[in-house]
Every structure is written in C-alpha cells, then in structure tokens.
Amino acid sequence: MTDTPALAAGQIWKEVDPRFTRFIRIENVGAGRRSISIRTVENVDGRWVDAERSRCSYADPQRFNGKRGNYAFYEAPQP
C-alpha cells in the first residue's frame, strides 16, 4: 500500500488502530486544513451504509497516509 490515491468523495478508508476496526467514507473534499468531510460507515451485505449514530465530521488531509492513528486506503468508490 505504498501508493495512496488522490483523495476523492466516495472513497472508503480504514482507521489504523489495533484496538478496533472503523471505516470512514469521504463525503466531500475541499481546500485547506480540516477540509475533508468524513462519515463513519459499515459494510452491510456488500454495501457501505452510514453507521448507527454516524455524523459528518472533518479531518486534515495529512491524516490519510496509512500510518497508525490515521487512515489507510481501503476501497475506491463504486460506479
């Protein structure tokens, strides 16, 4: 996973934390710090749906690097 794709709406990323498994979906990509709008999602019957009590939040683009405590690319958006 050395090649990280450009950030785009609809991508699924996994939080890199050995204590639990959490997936997020990029909702919107803007410019500047804290410009990535994200939402927690879960896979139900092969579809990514909003997790229970999920809400839209924001993340710094630097967090999408695959390192511990950040996010690693998991899946591209389905057409």
N, C-alpha and C. Protein backbone atom coordinates (compact mmCIF):
# COMPACT_ATOMS: atom_id res chain seq x y z
N MET A 1 0.81 -1.20 0.00
CA MET A 1 0.00 0.00 0.00
C MET A 1 0.85 1.26 0.00
N THR A 2 1.86 1.29 -0.80
CA THR A 2 2.72 2.44 -0.86
C THR A 2 2.13 3.57 -1.68
N ASP A 3 1.29 3.25 -2.65
CA ASP A 3 0.69 4.27 -3.49
C ASP A 3 -0.68 4.65 -2.95
N THR A 4 -0.77 5.82 -2.37
CA THR A 4 -2.03 6.32 -1.86
C THR A 4 -2.69 7.16 -2.94
N PRO A 5 -3.94 6.85 -3.28
CA PRO A 5 -4.61 7.61 -4.33
C PRO A 5 -4.96 9.03 -3.87
N ALA A 6 -5.24 9.88 -4.84
CA ALA A 6 -5.70 11.24 -4.52
C ALA A 6 -7.04 11.13 -3.79
N LEU A 7 -7.25 12.00 -2.82
CA LEU A 7 -8.49 11.97 -2.05
C LEU A 7 -9.66 12.36 -2.93
N ALA A 8 -10.74 11.58 -2.83
CA ALA A 8 -11.94 11.83 -3.63
C ALA A 8 -13.17 11.38 -2.86
N ALA A 9 -14.28 12.04 -3.11
CA ALA A 9 -15.55 11.69 -2.47
C ALA A 9 -15.92 10.25 -2.82
N GLY A 10 -16.43 9.53 -1.82
CA GLY A 10 -16.87 8.16 -2.02
C GLY A 10 -15.85 7.10 -1.64
N GLN A 11 -14.60 7.48 -1.44
CA GLN A 11 -13.58 6.51 -1.06
C GLN A 11 -13.81 6.01 0.36
N ILE A 12 -13.48 4.74 0.59
CA ILE A 12 -13.56 4.14 1.92
C ILE A 12 -12.14 4.00 2.46
N TRP A 13 -11.94 4.45 3.69
CA TRP A 13 -10.65 4.38 4.36
C TRP A 13 -10.84 3.67 5.69
N LYS A 14 -9.82 2.93 6.13
CA LYS A 14 -9.87 2.21 7.40
C LYS A 14 -8.98 2.93 8.40
N GLU A 15 -9.50 3.10 9.60
CA GLU A 15 -8.69 3.72 10.65
C GLU A 15 -7.63 2.72 11.11
N VAL A 16 -6.38 3.16 11.18
CA VAL A 16 -5.27 2.29 11.56
C VAL A 16 -5.13 2.33 13.08
N ASP A 17 -5.79 1.37 13.74
CA ASP A 17 -5.77 1.28 15.19
C ASP A 17 -6.02 -0.19 15.56
N PRO A 18 -5.08 -0.84 16.23
CA PRO A 18 -5.25 -2.26 16.54
C PRO A 18 -6.34 -2.56 17.57
N ARG A 19 -6.84 -1.55 18.25
CA ARG A 19 -7.85 -1.77 19.28
C ARG A 19 -9.24 -2.02 18.73
N PHE A 20 -9.53 -1.50 17.53
CA PHE A 20 -10.86 -1.67 16.95
C PHE A 20 -10.79 -1.48 15.44
N THR A 21 -11.89 -1.83 14.78
CA THR A 21 -11.99 -1.66 13.33
C THR A 21 -13.04 -0.60 13.04
N ARG A 22 -12.65 0.42 12.30
CA ARG A 22 -13.56 1.51 11.95
C ARG A 22 -13.27 1.93 10.52
N PHE A 23 -14.34 2.08 9.76
CA PHE A 23 -14.21 2.54 8.38
C PHE A 23 -14.90 3.89 8.23
N ILE A 24 -14.33 4.74 7.40
CA ILE A 24 -14.93 6.03 7.12
C ILE A 24 -15.06 6.21 5.60
N ARG A 25 -16.01 7.03 5.21
CA ARG A 25 -16.20 7.38 3.80
C ARG A 25 -15.96 8.87 3.65
N ILE A 26 -15.23 9.25 2.62
CA ILE A 26 -15.03 10.66 2.35
C ILE A 26 -16.30 11.19 1.69
N GLU A 27 -16.90 12.19 2.31
CA GLU A 27 -18.13 12.78 1.79
C GLU A 27 -17.85 13.93 0.82
N ASN A 28 -16.82 14.72 1.15
CA ASN A 28 -16.52 15.91 0.35
C ASN A 28 -15.05 16.27 0.55
N VAL A 29 -14.43 16.78 -0.51
CA VAL A 29 -13.04 17.22 -0.44
C VAL A 29 -12.99 18.70 -0.76
N GLY A 30 -12.44 19.48 0.16
CA GLY A 30 -12.31 20.92 -0.04
C GLY A 30 -10.85 21.31 -0.04
N ALA A 31 -10.60 22.58 0.07
CA ALA A 31 -9.22 23.09 0.09
C ALA A 31 -8.89 23.56 1.50
N GLY A 32 -7.66 23.36 1.92
CA GLY A 32 -7.22 23.86 3.21
C GLY A 32 -7.25 22.83 4.31
N ARG A 33 -6.90 23.30 5.50
CA ARG A 33 -6.85 22.44 6.68
C ARG A 33 -8.26 22.06 7.12
N ARG A 34 -8.40 20.83 7.62
CA ARG A 34 -9.71 20.29 8.07
C ARG A 34 -10.74 20.42 6.96
N SER A 35 -10.34 20.09 5.76
CA SER A 35 -11.21 20.29 4.60
C SER A 35 -11.84 19.01 4.08
N ILE A 36 -11.55 17.88 4.72
CA ILE A 36 -12.10 16.60 4.27
C ILE A 36 -13.30 16.26 5.16
N SER A 37 -14.46 16.18 4.56
CA SER A 37 -15.68 15.82 5.27
C SER A 37 -15.80 14.30 5.26
N ILE A 38 -15.93 13.68 6.46
CA ILE A 38 -15.97 12.22 6.56
C ILE A 38 -17.18 11.76 7.37
N ARG A 39 -17.52 10.47 7.21
CA ARG A 39 -18.62 9.87 7.96
C ARG A 39 -18.26 8.41 8.23
N THR A 40 -18.56 7.90 9.42
CA THR A 40 -18.32 6.50 9.76
C THR A 40 -19.34 5.64 9.03
N VAL A 41 -18.84 4.54 8.41
CA VAL A 41 -19.71 3.64 7.66
C VAL A 41 -19.43 2.20 8.06
N GLU A 42 -20.35 1.30 7.69
CA GLU A 42 -20.16 -0.13 7.90
C GLU A 42 -20.65 -0.87 6.67
N ASN A 43 -20.10 -2.06 6.46
CA ASN A 43 -20.45 -2.86 5.30
C ASN A 43 -21.59 -3.80 5.65
N VAL A 44 -22.72 -3.64 4.96
CA VAL A 44 -23.90 -4.47 5.17
C VAL A 44 -24.28 -5.09 3.83
N ASP A 45 -24.14 -6.42 3.75
CA ASP A 45 -24.47 -7.15 2.52
C ASP A 45 -23.75 -6.58 1.30
N GLY A 46 -22.48 -6.26 1.46
CA GLY A 46 -21.68 -5.77 0.35
C GLY A 46 -21.87 -4.31 -0.01
N ARG A 47 -22.67 -3.58 0.77
CA ARG A 47 -22.89 -2.15 0.54
C ARG A 47 -22.39 -1.37 1.75
N TRP A 48 -21.82 -0.21 1.50
CA TRP A 48 -21.38 0.66 2.59
C TRP A 48 -22.53 1.58 2.97
N VAL A 49 -22.98 1.49 4.22
CA VAL A 49 -24.07 2.32 4.72
C VAL A 49 -23.59 3.12 5.93
N ASP A 50 -24.26 4.22 6.21
CA ASP A 50 -23.91 5.04 7.38
C ASP A 50 -24.05 4.20 8.64
N ALA A 51 -23.07 4.29 9.52
CA ALA A 51 -23.12 3.59 10.80
C ALA A 51 -24.18 4.23 11.69
N GLU A 52 -24.66 3.45 12.63
CA GLU A 52 -25.66 3.96 13.56
C GLU A 52 -25.09 5.16 14.31
N ARG A 53 -25.83 6.20 14.43
CA ARG A 53 -25.46 7.46 15.09
C ARG A 53 -24.26 8.13 14.44
N SER A 54 -24.04 7.83 13.17
CA SER A 54 -22.95 8.44 12.42
C SER A 54 -23.28 9.90 12.14
N ARG A 55 -22.25 10.74 12.19
CA ARG A 55 -22.45 12.14 11.86
C ARG A 55 -21.28 12.61 11.01
N CYS A 56 -21.48 13.67 10.31
CA CYS A 56 -20.45 14.22 9.45
C CYS A 56 -19.44 14.97 10.32
N SER A 57 -18.15 14.70 10.09
CA SER A 57 -17.10 15.42 10.79
C SER A 57 -16.01 15.76 9.78
N TYR A 58 -14.94 16.35 10.26
CA TYR A 58 -13.89 16.83 9.36
C TYR A 58 -12.53 16.29 9.78
N ALA A 59 -11.65 16.11 8.80
CA ALA A 59 -10.30 15.61 9.06
C ALA A 59 -9.29 16.37 8.22
N ASP A 60 -8.07 16.43 8.72
CA ASP A 60 -6.98 17.05 7.96
C ASP A 60 -6.55 16.11 6.84
N PRO A 61 -6.23 16.63 5.69
CA PRO A 61 -5.76 15.77 4.58
C PRO A 61 -4.51 14.96 4.96
N GLN A 62 -3.68 15.46 5.88
CA GLN A 62 -2.46 14.77 6.28
C GLN A 62 -2.74 13.45 6.99
N ARG A 63 -3.94 13.25 7.50
CA ARG A 63 -4.27 12.01 8.22
C ARG A 63 -4.46 10.82 7.28
N PHE A 64 -4.56 11.05 6.00
CA PHE A 64 -4.79 9.97 5.04
C PHE A 64 -3.45 9.48 4.49
N ASN A 65 -2.67 8.83 5.37
CA ASN A 65 -1.31 8.42 5.00
C ASN A 65 -0.99 6.97 5.31
N GLY A 66 -1.91 6.22 5.90
CA GLY A 66 -1.69 4.80 6.18
C GLY A 66 -0.94 4.51 7.46
N LYS A 67 -0.59 5.53 8.23
CA LYS A 67 0.17 5.32 9.46
C LYS A 67 -0.78 5.13 10.64
N ARG A 68 -0.25 4.54 11.72
CA ARG A 68 -1.04 4.30 12.93
C ARG A 68 -1.62 5.62 13.46
N GLY A 69 -2.88 5.55 13.85
CA GLY A 69 -3.57 6.74 14.34
C GLY A 69 -4.18 7.57 13.23
N ASN A 70 -4.02 7.15 12.01
CA ASN A 70 -4.55 7.87 10.85
C ASN A 70 -5.41 6.92 10.03
N TYR A 71 -5.53 7.16 8.73
CA TYR A 71 -6.37 6.34 7.87
C TYR A 71 -5.56 5.73 6.74
N ALA A 72 -5.90 4.47 6.40
CA ALA A 72 -5.27 3.76 5.29
C ALA A 72 -6.34 3.52 4.22
N PHE A 73 -5.97 3.70 2.95
CA PHE A 73 -6.92 3.49 1.86
C PHE A 73 -7.43 2.06 1.87
N TYR A 74 -8.74 1.90 1.68
CA TYR A 74 -9.36 0.58 1.71
C TYR A 74 -10.05 0.22 0.40
N GLU A 75 -10.89 1.14 -0.11
CA GLU A 75 -11.68 0.82 -1.30
C GLU A 75 -12.05 2.07 -2.08
N ALA A 76 -11.99 1.94 -3.40
CA ALA A 76 -12.39 3.05 -4.29
C ALA A 76 -13.92 3.09 -4.39
N PRO A 77 -14.49 4.24 -4.73
CA PRO A 77 -15.95 4.32 -4.87
C PRO A 77 -16.44 3.44 -6.02
N GLN A 78 -17.60 2.85 -5.82
CA GLN A 78 -18.22 2.02 -6.87
C GLN A 78 -19.00 2.90 -7.82
N PRO A 79 -18.87 2.64 -9.13
CA PRO A 79 -19.58 3.48 -10.11
C PRO A 79 -21.08 3.30 -10.06
